[in-house]
Amino acid sequence: MSLLRTALEHTKTAVVLGHMNPDGDCVGSCLAVYNYVRDCFPQVEITVCLDRPAEKFSYLNGFDQIRTEVPEGLQADLCICLDSGDRDRLGDFLPLLERAGKSLCVDHHITNTRYGDENVLEPDASSTCEVLWGLMEEEQISKATAECLYTGIVHDTGVFQYSNTSVKTMEIAGKLLGKGIDFSTIIADSFYRKTYVQNQILGRALLESILFCDGQCIFSVLRKKDMDFYGVTNKDMDGIVEQLRSTDGVECAIFLYEKEFQEYKVSLRSKKKVDVSRVAAYFGGGGHVRAAGCTMNGRIHDVVNNLSTQIAKQLEE
């Protein structure tokens, strides 16, 4: 019996948490658990708490039930933390973990700190949704749950093109298709579709990108004043760093956007040579071998120089 089922069997109330600024795998995994519990453990009162996700995920069942503020007085028997490598990434919802009777952490980040009472960590998995597949009985996975799991896998594998895609990943995806999900629409609408403004900001980022390390690396930055001019938020930045990485000859890509004055959210991607999780961890962040991130402070010139120093060490190994 999986830890998920064991944890739920004697639970009356559960809260599901994910990381700040939730991406496709985070939203997908949280709502997958929500739907699975509603289907298989109807006696459990379950609540999903997340920063407001992007509207492109609104097709997922339960999206409209997500609580974006800490519910007053909520003290759950069980807290399930998904796709979050450490406690701090739970943001404003951390008190819900601290107040819970017990906790279960399910993740695939190699930098996970194992902060749950019970932890299921599979660094070789493509996504937290892939890990969840192994914790759920296949015959009890509904179409709604399958849509959530497929969404998470699609987003964390870049539609099965990143190096974290394995034979197992593809086998699971095939079984999810067997649940009758509209996979082509999920991919088109949640991964590829962009608004006019998102295309504008992508174009701006590409136009102002700079190659360094003899063309092996590329970076681009969007300052807060630029984001305010276009009227965009962090939710509009999806896909920019991946597009930078696809540049011919580039091994490692860096995309930064300014959250506050001289405070930058850093996204790192690589192809084969650089373990960006090591770079991110050096600066207090985390992630995966080919996809990671952190937050850094200072002048943009100094931030990029500090990052490039760590990246160059690996390129020279």
Protein backbone atom coordinates (compact mmCIF):
# COMPACT_ATOMS: atom_id res chain seq x y z
CA MET A 1 0.00 0.00 0.00
CA SER A 2 1.38 3.41 -0.96
CA LEU A 3 2.21 6.09 1.59
CA LEU A 4 -0.49 8.26 0.03
CA ARG A 5 -3.26 5.73 0.68
CA THR A 6 -1.90 4.93 4.14
CA ALA A 7 -1.87 8.61 5.05
CA LEU A 8 -5.43 9.15 3.81
CA GLU A 9 -7.12 6.09 5.28
CA HIS A 10 -7.48 7.49 8.79
CA THR A 11 -7.73 11.17 7.87
CA LYS A 12 -10.77 13.41 8.20
CA THR A 13 -9.29 16.69 6.90
CA ALA A 14 -6.44 17.24 4.48
CA VAL A 15 -4.79 20.29 2.95
CA VAL A 16 -2.73 20.20 -0.24
CA LEU A 17 0.11 22.71 -0.74
CA GLY A 18 2.51 23.48 -3.58
CA HIS A 19 5.33 25.91 -4.20
CA MET A 20 5.05 29.65 -4.76
CA ASN A 21 4.35 30.78 -8.34
CA PRO A 22 2.94 27.34 -9.25
CA ASP A 23 3.82 25.91 -12.66
CA GLY A 24 2.10 23.14 -14.60
CA ASP A 25 3.53 20.29 -12.55
CA CYS A 26 2.65 22.00 -9.28
CA VAL A 27 -0.93 22.84 -10.28
CA GLY A 28 -1.37 19.46 -11.96
CA SER A 29 -0.09 17.46 -8.99
CA CYS A 30 -2.15 19.42 -6.44
CA LEU A 31 -5.38 19.04 -8.39
CA ALA A 32 -4.58 15.40 -9.21
CA VAL A 33 -4.50 14.65 -5.49
CA TYR A 34 -7.65 16.73 -4.98
CA ASN A 35 -9.59 14.74 -7.59
CA TYR A 36 -8.15 11.39 -6.48
CA VAL A 37 -9.16 12.03 -2.87
CA ARG A 38 -12.64 13.21 -3.89
CA ASP A 39 -13.09 10.02 -5.93
CA CYS A 40 -11.51 7.44 -3.60
CA PHE A 41 -11.76 8.97 -0.12
CA PRO A 42 -15.03 10.94 -0.15
CA GLN A 43 -15.03 11.02 3.66
CA VAL A 44 -11.93 13.27 3.62
CA GLU A 45 -12.54 17.02 3.54
CA ILE A 46 -9.77 18.27 1.27
CA THR A 47 -8.59 21.82 0.58
CA VAL A 48 -6.04 22.98 -2.02
CA CYS A 49 -4.10 26.14 -1.18
CA LEU A 50 -1.87 27.80 -3.78
CA ASP A 51 -0.76 31.16 -5.08
CA ARG A 52 -3.21 32.09 -7.82
CA PRO A 53 -2.32 29.84 -10.79
CA ALA A 54 -2.37 30.99 -14.41
CA GLU A 55 -5.81 30.90 -16.03
CA LYS A 56 -4.52 28.58 -18.75
CA PHE A 57 -4.93 25.75 -16.23
CA SER A 58 -8.59 26.54 -15.57
CA TYR A 59 -9.71 23.47 -17.58
CA LEU A 60 -8.53 21.24 -14.73
CA ASN A 61 -11.30 19.99 -12.48
CA GLY A 62 -11.12 21.67 -9.09
CA PHE A 63 -9.30 24.77 -10.36
CA ASP A 64 -12.13 26.99 -9.13
CA GLN A 65 -11.87 25.44 -5.66
CA ILE A 66 -8.24 26.49 -5.09
CA ARG A 67 -7.87 28.75 -2.06
CA THR A 68 -5.41 31.56 -2.77
CA GLU A 69 -5.36 32.87 0.80
CA VAL A 70 -4.79 31.03 4.05
CA PRO A 71 -8.23 29.80 5.24
CA GLU A 72 -8.94 31.15 8.69
CA GLY A 73 -8.82 28.51 11.38
CA LEU A 74 -7.83 25.64 9.07
CA GLN A 75 -5.91 22.95 10.96
CA ALA A 76 -5.83 19.76 8.93
CA ASP A 77 -5.12 16.24 10.10
CA LEU A 78 -2.87 15.76 7.08
CA CYS A 79 -0.81 18.20 5.00
CA ILE A 80 0.30 16.95 1.58
CA CYS A 81 3.13 19.03 0.11
CA LEU A 82 3.73 18.61 -3.62
CA ASP A 83 6.51 19.71 -5.98
CA SER A 84 8.09 21.94 -3.33
CA GLY A 85 11.74 21.31 -2.50
CA ASP A 86 11.72 22.97 0.91
CA ARG A 87 9.41 24.49 3.51
CA ASP A 88 10.17 28.09 2.55
CA ARG A 89 8.84 27.56 -0.98
CA LEU A 90 5.38 27.02 0.50
CA GLY A 91 5.28 30.79 1.06
CA ASP A 92 2.33 32.19 3.01
CA PHE A 93 0.84 28.70 3.40
CA LEU A 94 3.71 27.36 5.53
CA PRO A 95 1.68 27.73 8.77
CA LEU A 96 -0.77 25.13 7.43
CA LEU A 97 2.09 22.60 7.34
CA GLU A 98 3.23 23.59 10.81
CA ARG A 99 -0.29 23.22 12.26
CA ALA A 100 -1.09 19.89 10.59
CA GLY A 101 -1.23 16.68 12.60
CA LYS A 102 1.07 14.91 10.11
CA SER A 103 2.62 15.64 6.75
CA LEU A 104 3.52 13.87 3.52
CA CYS A 105 5.93 15.40 1.01
CA VAL A 106 5.93 14.12 -2.59
CA ASP A 107 8.51 15.56 -4.96
CA HIS A 108 11.08 14.94 -7.68
CA HIS A 109 13.57 17.76 -6.98
CA ILE A 110 17.02 16.39 -6.17
CA THR A 111 17.51 19.33 -3.79
CA ASN A 112 14.46 18.42 -1.66
CA THR A 113 15.21 18.75 2.06
CA ARG A 114 12.83 15.94 3.16
CA TYR A 115 10.85 18.24 5.43
CA GLY A 116 7.74 16.07 5.71
CA ASP A 117 7.00 13.49 8.39
CA GLU A 118 6.91 11.06 5.46
CA ASN A 119 8.68 11.75 2.17
CA VAL A 120 8.41 10.26 -1.29
CA LEU A 121 11.29 11.65 -3.33
CA GLU A 122 12.17 10.35 -6.80
CA PRO A 123 14.84 12.58 -8.39
CA ASP A 124 14.88 10.48 -11.56
CA ALA A 125 11.18 11.08 -12.23
CA SER A 126 10.24 13.63 -14.87
CA SER A 127 7.76 15.37 -12.59
CA THR A 128 5.88 15.18 -9.34
CA CYS A 129 2.91 14.01 -11.37
CA GLU A 130 4.94 11.02 -12.51
CA VAL A 131 5.74 10.22 -8.88
CA LEU A 132 2.05 10.49 -7.99
CA TRP A 133 1.14 7.98 -10.70
CA GLY A 134 3.09 5.39 -8.72
CA LEU A 135 1.20 6.27 -5.54
CA MET A 136 -2.26 5.87 -7.07
CA GLU A 137 -4.06 2.73 -8.19
CA GLU A 138 -4.30 2.90 -11.98
CA GLU A 139 -7.85 1.59 -12.10
CA GLN A 140 -8.97 4.30 -9.67
CA ILE A 141 -7.53 7.19 -11.66
CA SER A 142 -10.45 9.06 -13.21
CA LYS A 143 -10.35 11.09 -16.40
CA ALA A 144 -10.24 14.30 -14.33
CA THR A 145 -7.26 13.05 -12.33
CA ALA A 146 -5.58 11.84 -15.52
CA GLU A 147 -5.90 15.31 -17.08
CA CYS A 148 -4.10 16.78 -14.08
CA LEU A 149 -1.30 14.20 -14.14
CA TYR A 150 -0.81 14.55 -17.89
CA THR A 151 -0.65 18.34 -17.59
CA GLY A 152 2.14 18.13 -15.02
CA ILE A 153 4.15 15.64 -17.05
CA VAL A 154 3.76 17.67 -20.25
CA HIS A 155 4.93 20.88 -18.62
CA ASP A 156 7.94 19.48 -16.77
CA THR A 157 9.16 17.53 -19.82
CA GLY A 158 8.57 20.34 -22.31
CA VAL A 159 6.13 18.07 -24.16
CA PHE A 160 8.51 15.10 -23.84
CA GLN A 161 11.55 16.85 -25.31
CA TYR A 162 13.68 17.43 -22.18
CA SER A 163 16.28 14.94 -21.00
CA ASN A 164 14.17 14.03 -17.95
CA THR A 165 11.78 12.16 -20.27
CA SER A 166 12.26 8.41 -19.81
CA VAL A 167 10.71 5.23 -21.15
CA LYS A 168 8.67 5.11 -17.94
CA THR A 169 7.46 8.69 -18.54
CA MET A 170 6.20 7.78 -22.00
CA GLU A 171 4.55 4.59 -20.74
CA ILE A 172 2.67 6.55 -18.07
CA ALA A 173 1.64 9.20 -20.60
CA GLY A 174 0.27 6.46 -22.84
CA LYS A 175 -1.79 5.01 -20.00
CA LEU A 176 -3.15 8.48 -19.20
CA LEU A 177 -4.21 8.82 -22.85
CA GLY A 178 -6.10 5.58 -22.32
CA LYS A 179 -8.28 7.40 -19.78
CA GLY A 180 -9.82 9.37 -22.64
CA ILE A 181 -8.18 12.75 -22.04
CA ASP A 182 -8.05 15.37 -24.82
CA PHE A 183 -4.25 15.39 -24.86
CA SER A 184 -3.82 17.57 -27.96
CA THR A 185 -5.94 20.37 -26.50
CA ILE A 186 -4.09 20.17 -23.17
CA ILE A 187 -0.76 20.60 -24.96
CA ALA A 188 -1.94 23.32 -27.33
CA ASP A 189 -3.83 25.43 -24.80
CA SER A 190 -1.72 25.08 -21.66
CA PHE A 191 1.80 24.78 -23.10
CA TYR A 192 2.00 26.50 -26.49
CA ARG A 193 -0.76 29.10 -26.48
CA LYS A 194 0.37 32.62 -25.62
CA THR A 195 -1.39 35.94 -25.42
CA TYR A 196 -0.36 38.83 -27.63
CA VAL A 197 1.41 40.49 -24.69
CA GLN A 198 3.24 37.26 -23.80
CA ASN A 199 4.54 37.11 -27.37
CA GLN A 200 5.63 40.73 -27.11
CA ILE A 201 7.58 40.14 -23.91
CA LEU A 202 9.14 36.98 -25.38
CA GLY A 203 10.24 38.98 -28.40
CA ARG A 204 11.71 41.67 -26.15
CA ALA A 205 13.64 39.08 -24.15
CA LEU A 206 15.03 37.43 -27.28
CA LEU A 207 15.90 40.72 -28.95
CA GLU A 208 17.92 41.89 -25.95
CA SER A 209 19.60 38.56 -25.16
CA ILE A 210 23.39 38.39 -24.95
CA LEU A 211 25.77 35.52 -25.69
CA PHE A 212 28.80 34.92 -23.45
CA CYS A 213 31.35 32.20 -22.64
CA ASP A 214 32.30 31.98 -26.32
CA GLY A 215 28.69 31.54 -27.35
CA GLN A 216 28.07 28.60 -25.03
CA CYS A 217 25.81 30.62 -22.74
CA ILE A 218 23.07 33.19 -23.20
CA PHE A 219 21.20 35.46 -20.85
CA SER A 220 18.36 37.92 -20.98
CA VAL A 221 16.81 40.13 -18.33
CA LEU A 222 13.52 41.95 -17.95
CA ARG A 223 13.45 44.79 -15.48
CA LYS A 224 10.43 45.67 -13.43
CA LYS A 225 9.85 48.88 -15.37
CA ASP A 226 9.66 46.85 -18.60
CA MET A 227 7.22 44.39 -17.04
CA ASP A 228 5.08 47.28 -15.79
CA PHE A 229 5.15 48.86 -19.25
CA TYR A 230 3.79 45.70 -20.88
CA GLY A 231 1.49 44.93 -17.97
CA VAL A 232 2.88 41.43 -17.40
CA THR A 233 3.50 39.35 -14.28
CA ASN A 234 5.64 36.34 -13.45
CA LYS A 235 2.89 34.12 -14.91
CA ASP A 236 3.64 35.57 -18.37
CA MET A 237 7.29 34.46 -18.31
CA ASP A 238 6.68 30.78 -19.06
CA GLY A 239 8.76 29.43 -21.91
CA ILE A 240 11.22 32.31 -22.25
CA VAL A 241 14.22 30.53 -20.76
CA GLU A 242 13.44 27.40 -22.80
CA GLN A 243 13.40 29.47 -25.98
CA LEU A 244 16.77 30.96 -25.04
CA ARG A 245 18.18 27.47 -24.49
CA SER A 246 17.13 26.41 -27.98
CA THR A 247 19.60 28.89 -29.49
CA ASP A 248 22.09 27.12 -31.76
CA GLY A 249 25.39 26.43 -30.00
CA VAL A 250 24.11 27.37 -26.54
CA GLU A 251 24.67 24.94 -23.68
CA CYS A 252 23.27 27.01 -20.82
CA ALA A 253 20.60 29.72 -20.70
CA ILE A 254 19.81 32.26 -17.99
CA PHE A 255 16.64 34.31 -17.80
CA LEU A 256 16.12 36.88 -15.07
CA TYR A 257 13.24 39.15 -14.23
CA GLU A 258 13.22 41.83 -11.58
CA LYS A 259 10.77 41.21 -8.74
CA GLU A 260 11.72 44.31 -6.77
CA PHE A 261 14.53 46.84 -7.12
CA GLN A 262 17.72 44.80 -7.72
CA GLU A 263 16.01 41.54 -6.69
CA TYR A 264 15.94 39.01 -9.52
CA LYS A 265 14.18 35.70 -10.07
CA VAL A 266 16.70 33.55 -11.94
CA SER A 267 15.76 30.65 -14.22
CA LEU A 268 18.52 28.33 -15.44
CA ARG A 269 18.38 25.72 -18.20
CA SER A 270 21.10 23.55 -19.76
CA LYS A 271 21.44 20.88 -22.42
CA LYS A 272 24.13 18.32 -21.57
CA LYS A 273 27.20 19.71 -19.82
CA VAL A 274 26.05 21.93 -16.95
CA ASP A 275 24.28 20.76 -13.81
CA VAL A 276 22.26 23.91 -13.14
CA SER A 277 20.93 22.51 -9.85
CA ARG A 278 24.48 22.91 -8.49
CA VAL A 279 24.59 26.50 -9.68
CA ALA A 280 21.18 27.31 -8.20
CA ALA A 281 21.99 25.59 -4.90
CA TYR A 282 25.18 27.66 -4.59
CA PHE A 283 22.99 30.76 -4.53
CA GLY A 284 20.35 29.33 -2.19
CA GLY A 285 18.00 27.91 -4.83
CA GLY A 286 17.38 24.45 -6.20
CA GLY A 287 15.84 22.35 -8.92
CA HIS A 288 16.97 19.72 -11.38
CA VAL A 289 20.13 18.92 -13.30
CA ARG A 290 18.85 20.64 -16.47
CA ALA A 291 16.31 23.07 -14.98
CA ALA A 292 16.72 25.07 -11.79
CA GLY A 293 16.26 28.50 -10.29
CA CYS A 294 17.04 30.87 -7.45
CA THR A 295 16.58 34.46 -6.31
CA MET A 296 19.54 36.86 -6.30
CA ASN A 297 20.10 40.45 -5.26
CA GLY A 298 22.38 43.16 -6.61
CA ARG A 299 23.19 44.92 -9.84
CA ILE A 300 22.38 42.89 -12.90
CA HIS A 301 26.00 42.98 -14.04
CA ASP A 302 27.15 41.45 -10.74
CA VAL A 303 24.36 38.86 -10.70
CA VAL A 304 25.21 37.59 -14.19
CA ASN A 305 28.94 37.62 -13.44
CA ASN A 306 28.41 35.53 -10.30
CA LEU A 307 26.26 33.05 -12.20
CA SER A 308 28.66 32.85 -15.13
CA THR A 309 31.58 32.11 -12.79
CA GLN A 310 29.82 29.02 -11.45
CA ILE A 311 28.71 27.92 -14.91
CA ALA A 312 32.19 28.41 -16.40
CA LYS A 313 33.69 26.10 -13.76
CA GLN A 314 31.55 23.27 -15.06
CA LEU A 315 32.20 24.05 -18.70
CA GLU A 316 35.91 23.77 -17.97
CA GLU A 317 35.64 20.42 -16.15
